[in-house]
């Protein structure tokens, strides 16, 4: 399954002078596959070097960090000459070779016309200012497939267009079809390998198909937890794993903010969890929504480091991590408070994060707005998430009374055929693009 290429790749290629590009993101979001697909579409010749599998090439970067020497040695090793002006070079699993990271500085300075792209697992954890000079590389992040990308992947591009064009009215049959597939997305999430499993097993009954999907997700969760042990030490990895497993539990309790007490035995304060939290956020496995009690721009000015909510980077992984019953997710009429609450909120947090919005939650006394976003135009937009359109939005009324200058707001629900300021949950991508 080839996902649509992120537009920043073509823009990067079109530059007259370019820094090496580093693509980061959680494991299995499709970084390497996207770069290889980019190469097959945009270049006649692609050279891929994997620093995890090809340990012997590490020594090339230890001898001479000049681009000419490196490229010559890599070409001799692979048996294929490399043309820096026309060929794409992929450095995969680059975190395994610190000297290769260092060499990117020299490619930027001496060969700015070169096409160098890099990917690797846990780059957000591994990369520090010591790894590369600031300003000498371009860093981009790849996320799981959004809902519209999921629809394209399963060969429903027309429905994806309906999701993205928020100004187009929907007939009930189309809206109900979109919402049914939305529940499928809530089970699968957007990791390409998981979505491919969903596609490959389409001849099976839906529930059986989703059982296979869930098993693959559990295997992937085990891989994430193995990464914690491999890259952070035994004691620290145990603490990271406890925080990781605590996120769905606290979401299901509908806590106003993440509670630190009893997450790690004997630890009670934010400072005790800072290390594990930073690791998970930098690994791209969690999304943080900062809690504020003011709604003035810039919103970031009103944040406190120990006041936040946490969401999973992928809604499908959230379901598997919490062991939430598949059928309860697939059944739109299900009245389970957990599904109505944290699943829908996690989906909205995930989409806002993918669209580049810092995510905030507004809390004042007993009133809570699930999400606030600040647009580039300086607007503050409150977002409520409700399971049904007839759910009372008391907190939104309190918010709008306090901030009468706020004109735009959105209430996302599971109800089809919503009107006015109410929108189907599946259409947030198109609406958020206008913000």
Protein backbone atom coordinates (compact mmCIF):
# COMPACT_ATOMS: atom_id res chain seq x y z
CA UNK A 1 0.00 0.00 0.00
CA UNK A 2 1.52 3.32 -1.08
CA UNK A 3 0.18 6.33 0.80
CA UNK A 4 -0.06 9.72 -0.85
CA UNK A 5 3.28 11.48 -0.62
CA UNK A 6 3.54 14.40 1.81
CA UNK A 7 3.70 17.61 -0.28
CA UNK A 8 6.82 18.79 1.54
CA UNK A 9 8.88 16.13 -0.28
CA UNK A 10 8.25 17.65 -3.71
CA UNK A 11 8.85 21.15 -2.35
CA UNK A 12 12.14 20.00 -0.86
CA UNK A 13 13.24 18.47 -4.16
CA UNK A 14 12.41 21.66 -6.06
CA UNK A 15 14.75 23.83 -3.98
CA UNK A 16 17.92 25.02 -5.72
CA UNK A 17 19.87 24.46 -2.51
CA UNK A 18 18.62 22.10 0.16
CA UNK A 19 19.65 20.72 3.52
CA UNK A 20 19.51 16.96 4.06
CA UNK A 21 15.99 15.96 5.06
CA UNK A 22 15.35 13.92 8.20
CA UNK A 23 11.95 12.24 8.40
CA UNK A 24 10.97 11.35 11.96
CA UNK A 25 7.90 9.70 13.45
CA UNK A 26 6.82 6.69 15.48
CA UNK A 27 7.82 3.23 14.36
CA UNK A 28 5.70 1.82 11.52
CA UNK A 29 4.18 5.11 10.36
CA UNK A 30 5.73 4.42 6.94
CA UNK A 31 8.82 6.65 6.89
CA UNK A 32 11.09 4.36 4.86
CA UNK A 33 8.29 3.24 2.53
CA UNK A 34 7.32 6.86 1.84
CA UNK A 35 10.90 7.81 1.00
CA UNK A 36 11.30 4.80 -1.29
CA UNK A 37 8.00 5.61 -3.02
CA UNK A 38 9.14 9.21 -3.40
CA UNK A 39 12.35 7.97 -4.98
CA UNK A 40 10.57 5.68 -7.42
CA UNK A 41 8.32 8.51 -8.59
CA UNK A 42 10.75 11.41 -8.69
CA UNK A 43 14.20 9.98 -9.44
CA UNK A 44 15.69 7.67 -12.04
CA UNK A 45 18.22 6.27 -9.57
CA UNK A 46 17.82 5.66 -5.84
CA UNK A 47 20.52 4.44 -3.45
CA UNK A 48 19.32 3.11 -0.09
CA UNK A 49 21.71 2.35 2.78
CA UNK A 50 20.40 0.76 5.98
CA UNK A 51 22.67 1.39 8.96
CA UNK A 52 20.98 -1.28 11.07
CA UNK A 53 21.41 -4.11 8.55
CA UNK A 54 24.62 -2.95 6.89
CA UNK A 55 26.94 -2.53 9.87
CA UNK A 56 29.97 -2.66 7.59
CA UNK A 57 29.23 0.75 6.09
CA UNK A 58 29.57 2.50 9.48
CA UNK A 59 33.34 2.58 9.05
CA UNK A 60 32.98 4.64 5.87
CA UNK A 61 31.82 7.57 7.98
CA UNK A 62 34.59 7.14 10.53
CA UNK A 63 37.42 7.62 8.04
CA UNK A 64 36.54 10.80 6.19
CA UNK A 65 33.41 12.93 6.63
CA UNK A 66 33.82 14.83 3.37
CA UNK A 67 30.84 14.19 1.06
CA UNK A 68 33.05 13.29 -1.90
CA UNK A 69 34.87 10.58 0.04
CA UNK A 70 31.67 9.22 1.58
CA UNK A 71 29.78 9.06 -1.71
CA UNK A 72 32.72 7.46 -3.50
CA UNK A 73 33.08 4.78 -0.79
CA UNK A 74 29.34 4.08 -0.71
CA UNK A 75 29.30 3.71 -4.48
CA UNK A 76 32.21 1.28 -4.38
CA UNK A 77 30.49 -0.69 -1.61
CA UNK A 78 27.19 -1.01 -3.49
CA UNK A 79 28.77 -1.42 -6.92
CA UNK A 80 26.72 1.49 -8.26
CA UNK A 81 28.23 4.94 -8.85
CA UNK A 82 26.35 7.80 -7.18
CA UNK A 83 25.61 11.10 -8.92
CA UNK A 84 24.94 13.76 -6.27
CA UNK A 85 23.24 16.04 -8.79
CA UNK A 86 20.63 13.56 -10.00
CA UNK A 87 20.34 10.57 -7.63
CA UNK A 88 18.38 10.19 -4.39
CA UNK A 89 20.31 8.84 -1.41
CA UNK A 90 18.33 7.30 1.46
CA UNK A 91 20.05 6.83 4.82
CA UNK A 92 17.74 4.42 6.68
CA UNK A 93 17.94 3.72 10.43
CA UNK A 94 20.46 6.55 10.58
CA UNK A 95 20.25 6.70 14.37
CA UNK A 96 22.43 3.58 14.42
CA UNK A 97 25.41 5.53 13.04
CA UNK A 98 26.13 8.84 14.84
CA UNK A 99 28.98 9.57 12.43
CA UNK A 100 26.49 9.49 9.55
CA UNK A 101 24.36 12.06 11.37
CA UNK A 102 27.43 14.24 11.79
CA UNK A 103 28.23 13.96 8.09
CA UNK A 104 24.94 15.66 7.19
CA UNK A 105 26.51 18.99 8.21
CA UNK A 106 29.13 18.61 5.51
CA UNK A 107 26.60 17.60 2.85
CA UNK A 108 24.69 20.79 3.69
CA UNK A 109 27.77 22.99 3.48
CA UNK A 110 29.67 21.39 0.60
CA UNK A 111 26.98 19.68 -1.52
CA UNK A 112 23.74 21.70 -1.10
CA UNK A 113 22.46 20.37 -4.44
CA UNK A 114 22.58 16.76 -3.17
CA UNK A 115 19.38 14.80 -2.56
CA UNK A 116 19.93 13.24 0.89
CA UNK A 117 16.93 11.92 2.87
CA UNK A 118 17.09 10.09 6.20
CA UNK A 119 14.74 7.99 8.29
CA UNK A 120 14.98 5.89 11.38
CA UNK A 121 13.23 4.57 14.46
CA UNK A 122 13.14 6.75 17.57
CA UNK A 123 14.81 9.68 15.86
CA UNK A 124 12.94 12.01 18.19
CA UNK A 125 14.62 10.27 21.11
CA UNK A 126 18.05 9.85 19.56
CA UNK A 127 18.56 13.20 17.90
CA UNK A 128 20.07 15.95 20.03
CA UNK A 129 21.84 19.18 19.20
CA UNK A 130 25.08 17.23 19.51
CA UNK A 131 23.96 14.90 16.70
CA UNK A 132 23.81 17.60 14.03
CA UNK A 133 24.32 21.35 13.76
CA UNK A 134 21.12 23.36 14.03
CA UNK A 135 20.19 24.81 10.67
CA UNK A 136 22.06 22.20 8.65
CA UNK A 137 19.20 19.71 8.29
CA UNK A 138 15.48 19.93 7.64
CA UNK A 139 13.34 17.86 10.01
CA UNK A 140 9.81 16.75 9.14
CA UNK A 141 7.44 14.41 10.92
CA UNK A 142 5.31 11.66 9.42
CA UNK A 143 2.10 10.66 11.16
CA UNK A 144 -0.29 7.71 10.87
CA UNK A 145 -2.80 7.89 8.03
CA UNK A 146 -5.58 10.35 8.70
CA UNK A 147 -9.17 9.22 8.15
CA UNK A 148 -9.26 10.72 4.64
CA UNK A 149 -5.96 8.97 3.80
CA UNK A 150 -7.42 5.73 5.16
CA UNK A 151 -10.37 6.12 2.77
CA UNK A 152 -8.01 6.64 -0.17
CA UNK A 153 -5.98 3.59 0.88
CA UNK A 154 -9.08 1.35 0.90
CA UNK A 155 -10.06 2.64 -2.55
CA UNK A 156 -12.74 5.10 -1.44
CA UNK A 157 -11.25 8.35 -2.83
CA UNK A 158 -14.66 9.88 -3.54
CA UNK A 159 -15.65 9.52 0.11
CA UNK A 160 -12.31 11.03 1.12
CA UNK A 161 -13.20 14.11 -0.92
CA UNK A 162 -16.54 14.38 0.86
CA UNK A 163 -14.70 14.28 4.20
CA UNK A 164 -12.28 17.03 3.17
CA UNK A 165 -14.82 19.36 1.53
CA UNK A 166 -16.61 20.59 4.60
CA UNK A 167 -18.77 23.08 2.70
CA UNK A 168 -20.44 20.37 0.62
CA UNK A 169 -23.79 19.15 2.03
CA UNK A 170 -24.11 15.40 2.43
CA UNK A 171 -27.02 13.15 1.69
CA UNK A 172 -27.83 10.77 4.52
CA UNK A 173 -26.72 7.62 2.69
CA UNK A 174 -23.23 9.03 2.08
CA UNK A 175 -22.91 10.36 5.63
CA UNK A 176 -23.91 7.03 7.13
CA UNK A 177 -21.45 5.20 4.88
CA UNK A 178 -18.66 7.56 5.97
CA UNK A 179 -19.49 7.11 9.65
CA UNK A 180 -19.56 3.31 9.30
CA UNK A 181 -16.08 3.39 7.78
CA UNK A 182 -15.07 5.81 10.52
CA UNK A 183 -15.78 3.08 13.08
CA UNK A 184 -13.57 0.74 11.05
CA UNK A 185 -10.84 3.38 11.20
CA UNK A 186 -11.30 3.62 14.97
CA UNK A 187 -10.35 -0.08 15.14
CA UNK A 188 -7.55 -0.11 12.56
CA UNK A 189 -6.03 3.30 13.15
CA UNK A 190 -3.70 4.73 10.54
CA UNK A 191 -0.49 2.70 10.66
CA UNK A 192 0.09 1.57 7.05
CA UNK A 193 0.93 -2.07 7.87
CA UNK A 194 -2.25 -2.37 9.95
CA UNK A 195 -4.38 -0.77 7.24
CA UNK A 196 -2.82 -3.15 4.72
CA UNK A 197 -3.88 -6.08 6.92
CA UNK A 198 -7.44 -4.69 6.94
CA UNK A 199 -7.31 -4.56 3.11
CA UNK A 200 -5.74 -8.00 2.69
CA UNK A 201 -8.36 -9.70 4.88
CA UNK A 202 -11.41 -8.14 3.21
CA UNK A 203 -12.75 -11.55 2.14
CA UNK A 204 -13.38 -12.44 5.80
CA UNK A 205 -16.38 -11.38 7.90
CA UNK A 206 -15.80 -7.93 9.41
CA UNK A 207 -15.36 -9.06 13.01
CA UNK A 208 -12.92 -11.84 12.06
CA UNK A 209 -11.04 -9.37 9.93
CA UNK A 210 -10.71 -6.98 12.87
CA UNK A 211 -9.50 -9.77 15.17
CA UNK A 212 -6.55 -10.24 12.81
CA UNK A 213 -5.97 -6.48 12.80
CA UNK A 214 -6.00 -6.36 16.61
CA UNK A 215 -3.50 -9.21 16.87
CA UNK A 216 -1.10 -7.38 14.57
CA UNK A 217 -1.52 -4.25 16.68
CA UNK A 218 -0.65 -6.19 19.85
CA UNK A 219 2.50 -7.45 18.17
CA UNK A 220 3.41 -3.90 17.26
CA UNK A 221 2.80 -2.70 20.83
CA UNK A 222 5.24 -5.35 21.98
CA UNK A 223 7.76 -3.92 19.51
CA UNK A 224 7.27 -0.43 20.96
CA UNK A 225 7.81 -1.78 24.46
CA UNK A 226 10.93 -3.64 23.34
CA UNK A 227 12.22 -0.32 22.01
CA UNK A 228 11.71 1.18 25.46
CA UNK A 229 13.95 -1.49 26.98
CA UNK A 230 16.53 -1.36 24.21
CA UNK A 231 17.01 2.40 24.14
CA UNK A 232 16.48 3.59 27.71
CA UNK A 233 17.87 1.10 30.23
CA UNK A 234 16.02 -1.46 32.36
CA UNK A 235 14.75 0.75 35.21
CA UNK A 236 13.90 3.73 33.04
CA UNK A 237 12.12 1.50 30.51
CA UNK A 238 9.89 0.08 33.27
CA UNK A 239 8.86 3.62 34.18
CA UNK A 240 8.24 4.50 30.52
CA UNK A 241 6.07 1.41 30.10
CA UNK A 242 4.00 2.27 33.17
CA UNK A 243 3.28 5.78 31.87
CA UNK A 244 2.50 4.36 28.40
CA UNK A 245 -0.02 1.90 29.85
CA UNK A 246 -1.52 4.53 32.14
CA UNK A 247 -2.64 6.81 29.31
CA UNK A 248 -5.71 4.78 28.18
CA UNK A 249 -6.65 4.12 31.81
CA UNK A 250 -6.73 7.80 32.67
CA UNK A 251 -8.53 8.70 29.47
CA UNK A 252 -11.24 6.16 30.26
CA UNK A 253 -11.73 7.78 33.67
CA UNK A 254 -12.29 11.10 31.91
CA UNK A 255 -9.76 12.81 34.16
CA UNK A 256 -9.50 16.56 33.66
CA UNK A 257 -5.72 16.26 33.75
CA UNK A 258 -3.10 13.54 33.88
CA UNK A 259 -2.66 12.31 37.46
CA UNK A 260 0.89 11.48 38.55
CA UNK A 261 0.14 9.64 41.79
CA UNK A 262 0.49 5.83 41.70
CA UNK A 263 1.59 5.68 38.05
CA UNK A 264 5.04 4.59 39.25
CA UNK A 265 5.20 3.06 42.76
CA UNK A 266 6.65 5.55 45.20
CA UNK A 267 6.46 8.44 42.71
CA UNK A 268 3.89 11.16 43.25
CA UNK A 269 4.99 14.31 41.42
CA UNK A 270 5.46 15.61 37.89
CA UNK A 271 9.23 15.79 38.32
CA UNK A 272 9.29 12.04 38.97
CA UNK A 273 7.64 11.33 35.60
CA UNK A 274 9.34 13.97 33.46
CA UNK A 275 11.89 11.54 32.01
CA UNK A 276 9.41 8.85 30.90
CA UNK A 277 6.99 11.49 29.60
CA UNK A 278 9.66 13.22 27.54
CA UNK A 279 10.78 9.88 26.11
CA UNK A 280 7.26 8.93 24.98
CA UNK A 281 6.54 12.37 23.53
CA UNK A 282 9.86 12.50 21.69
CA UNK A 283 9.31 8.97 20.38
CA UNK A 284 6.07 10.20 18.83
CA UNK A 285 3.93 7.76 20.80
CA UNK A 286 1.92 10.32 22.76
CA UNK A 287 0.19 13.64 22.07
CA UNK A 288 0.05 16.25 24.82
CA UNK A 289 -2.78 18.73 25.27
CA UNK A 290 -1.70 21.53 27.60
CA UNK A 291 -4.33 22.70 30.09
CA UNK A 292 -4.99 26.43 30.30
CA UNK A 293 -7.53 28.59 32.11
CA UNK A 294 -7.22 31.60 29.82
CA UNK A 295 -8.12 31.85 26.14
CA UNK A 296 -6.01 34.78 25.04
CA UNK A 297 -3.36 34.62 22.32
CA UNK A 298 -0.77 33.29 22.42
CA UNK A 299 -2.31 30.31 24.18
CA UNK A 300 1.13 28.88 24.91
CA UNK A 301 1.77 31.71 27.37
CA UNK A 302 -0.87 30.33 29.74
CA UNK A 303 0.43 26.76 29.92
CA UNK A 304 2.07 25.12 32.93
CA UNK A 305 4.47 22.20 32.47
CA UNK A 306 2.63 19.95 34.95
CA UNK A 307 -0.92 20.58 33.69
CA UNK A 308 -1.86 18.51 30.65
CA UNK A 309 -3.83 15.63 29.19
CA UNK A 310 -2.26 12.81 27.18
CA UNK A 311 -3.54 10.99 24.09
CA UNK A 312 -2.22 8.09 22.04
CA UNK A 313 -0.62 8.88 18.66
CA UNK A 314 -2.89 6.39 16.88
CA UNK A 315 -6.48 5.57 17.70
CA UNK A 316 -6.11 1.94 16.62
CA UNK A 317 -3.15 1.41 18.95
CA UNK A 318 -5.19 3.05 21.73
CA UNK A 319 -7.91 0.44 21.28
CA UNK A 320 -5.43 -2.43 21.39
CA UNK A 321 -3.49 -0.95 24.31
CA UNK A 322 -6.67 -0.57 26.36
CA UNK A 323 -8.04 -3.94 25.17
CA UNK A 324 -11.30 -2.19 24.30
CA UNK A 325 -13.80 -4.63 22.72
CA UNK A 326 -13.82 -4.44 18.96
CA UNK A 327 -17.56 -4.84 18.63
CA UNK A 328 -18.18 -1.92 21.00
CA UNK A 329 -16.21 0.29 18.63
CA UNK A 330 -17.90 -0.99 15.49
CA UNK A 331 -21.40 -0.49 16.89
CA UNK A 332 -22.35 3.16 16.34
CA UNK A 333 -25.35 2.82 18.64
CA UNK A 334 -23.20 1.63 21.52
CA UNK A 335 -23.75 3.78 24.58
CA UNK A 336 -20.53 2.89 26.38
CA UNK A 337 -19.22 6.04 28.04
CA UNK A 338 -15.64 5.12 27.29
CA UNK A 339 -16.24 5.02 23.56
CA UNK A 340 -18.27 8.21 23.65
CA UNK A 341 -15.52 9.89 25.59
CA UNK A 342 -11.89 9.10 25.12
CA UNK A 343 -12.03 7.42 21.70
CA UNK A 344 -13.64 10.40 20.01
CA UNK A 345 -11.44 12.88 21.86
CA UNK A 346 -8.31 10.92 20.96
CA UNK A 347 -9.34 10.99 17.30
CA UNK A 348 -9.77 14.77 17.34
CA UNK A 349 -6.47 15.28 19.18
CA UNK A 350 -4.73 13.07 16.62
CA UNK A 351 -6.11 14.96 13.62
CA UNK A 352 -5.32 18.40 15.10
CA UNK A 353 -1.79 17.23 15.87
CA UNK A 354 -1.32 15.91 12.33
CA UNK A 355 -2.51 19.23 10.90
CA UNK A 356 0.17 21.05 12.90
CA UNK A 357 -1.96 22.62 15.62
CA UNK A 358 -0.54 22.74 19.16
CA UNK A 359 -3.37 21.24 21.21
CA UNK A 360 -4.84 22.88 24.32
CA UNK A 361 -7.64 22.08 26.78
CA UNK A 362 -9.51 24.88 28.59
CA UNK A 363 -10.63 24.23 32.17
CA UNK A 364 -12.27 26.72 34.49
CA UNK A 365 -13.83 25.40 37.70
CA UNK A 366 -16.25 22.69 36.52
CA UNK A 367 -16.31 23.84 32.89
CA UNK A 368 -14.12 22.17 30.30
CA UNK A 369 -13.62 22.69 26.57
CA UNK A 370 -11.97 19.56 25.20
CA UNK A 371 -9.81 21.42 22.69
CA UNK A 372 -8.74 24.94 21.82
CA UNK A 373 -6.69 25.73 18.74
CA UNK A 374 -5.01 28.96 17.75
CA UNK A 375 -5.09 29.68 14.03
CA UNK A 376 -2.37 31.50 12.12
CA UNK A 377 -4.86 34.36 11.81
CA UNK A 378 -4.78 34.72 15.59
CA UNK A 379 -8.24 33.27 16.16
CA UNK A 380 -8.97 31.04 19.16
CA UNK A 381 -11.41 28.29 18.24
CA UNK A 382 -13.09 26.13 20.91
CA UNK A 383 -13.92 22.54 19.95
CA UNK A 384 -16.43 20.38 21.78
CA UNK A 385 -16.64 16.62 21.20
CA UNK A 386 -20.02 15.00 21.86
CA UNK A 387 -21.34 11.54 21.19
CA UNK A 388 -24.76 12.85 20.23
CA UNK A 389 -26.01 16.17 18.90
CA UNK A 390 -28.51 16.54 21.75
CA UNK A 391 -25.74 16.47 24.35
CA UNK A 392 -25.77 19.77 26.21
CA UNK A 393 -22.72 21.94 25.68
CA UNK A 394 -22.90 23.82 28.99
CA UNK A 395 -19.15 24.42 29.12
CA UNK A 396 -19.21 25.98 25.67
CA UNK A 397 -21.87 28.46 26.81
CA UNK A 398 -19.71 29.40 29.81
CA UNK A 399 -16.71 29.86 27.52
CA UNK A 400 -18.55 32.00 24.96
CA UNK A 401 -20.08 34.16 27.71
CA UNK A 402 -16.59 34.85 29.04
CA UNK A 403 -15.04 35.39 25.61
CA UNK A 404 -17.73 37.09 23.48
CA UNK A 405 -15.09 38.02 20.89
CA UNK A 406 -14.86 34.34 19.92
CA UNK A 407 -17.11 33.88 16.90
CA UNK A 408 -16.02 30.52 15.51
CA UNK A 409 -16.55 27.26 17.34
CA UNK A 410 -17.29 23.66 16.43
CA UNK A 411 -19.16 20.78 18.05
CA UNK A 412 -18.24 17.39 16.62
CA UNK A 413 -20.67 14.52 17.07
CA UNK A 414 -21.35 10.99 15.88
CA UNK A 415 -24.72 12.04 14.58
CA UNK A 416 -25.12 12.06 10.79
CA UNK A 417 -26.67 14.99 8.96
CA UNK A 418 -25.65 17.59 11.56
CA UNK A 419 -26.25 21.27 10.85
CA UNK A 420 -25.12 24.73 11.90
CA UNK A 421 -22.06 24.66 14.15
CA UNK A 422 -22.45 20.91 14.64
CA UNK A 423 -20.36 18.67 12.42
CA UNK A 424 -19.97 14.98 11.88
CA UNK A 425 -16.88 13.77 13.73
CA UNK A 426 -15.51 12.32 10.49
CA UNK A 427 -15.31 15.75 8.83
CA UNK A 428 -12.91 17.51 11.18
CA UNK A 429 -10.05 17.36 8.67
CA UNK A 430 -11.82 19.49 6.08
CA UNK A 431 -13.07 21.99 8.64
CA UNK A 432 -9.72 22.29 10.41
CA UNK A 433 -7.97 23.00 7.11
CA UNK A 434 -9.94 26.27 6.95
CA UNK A 435 -8.76 27.37 10.39
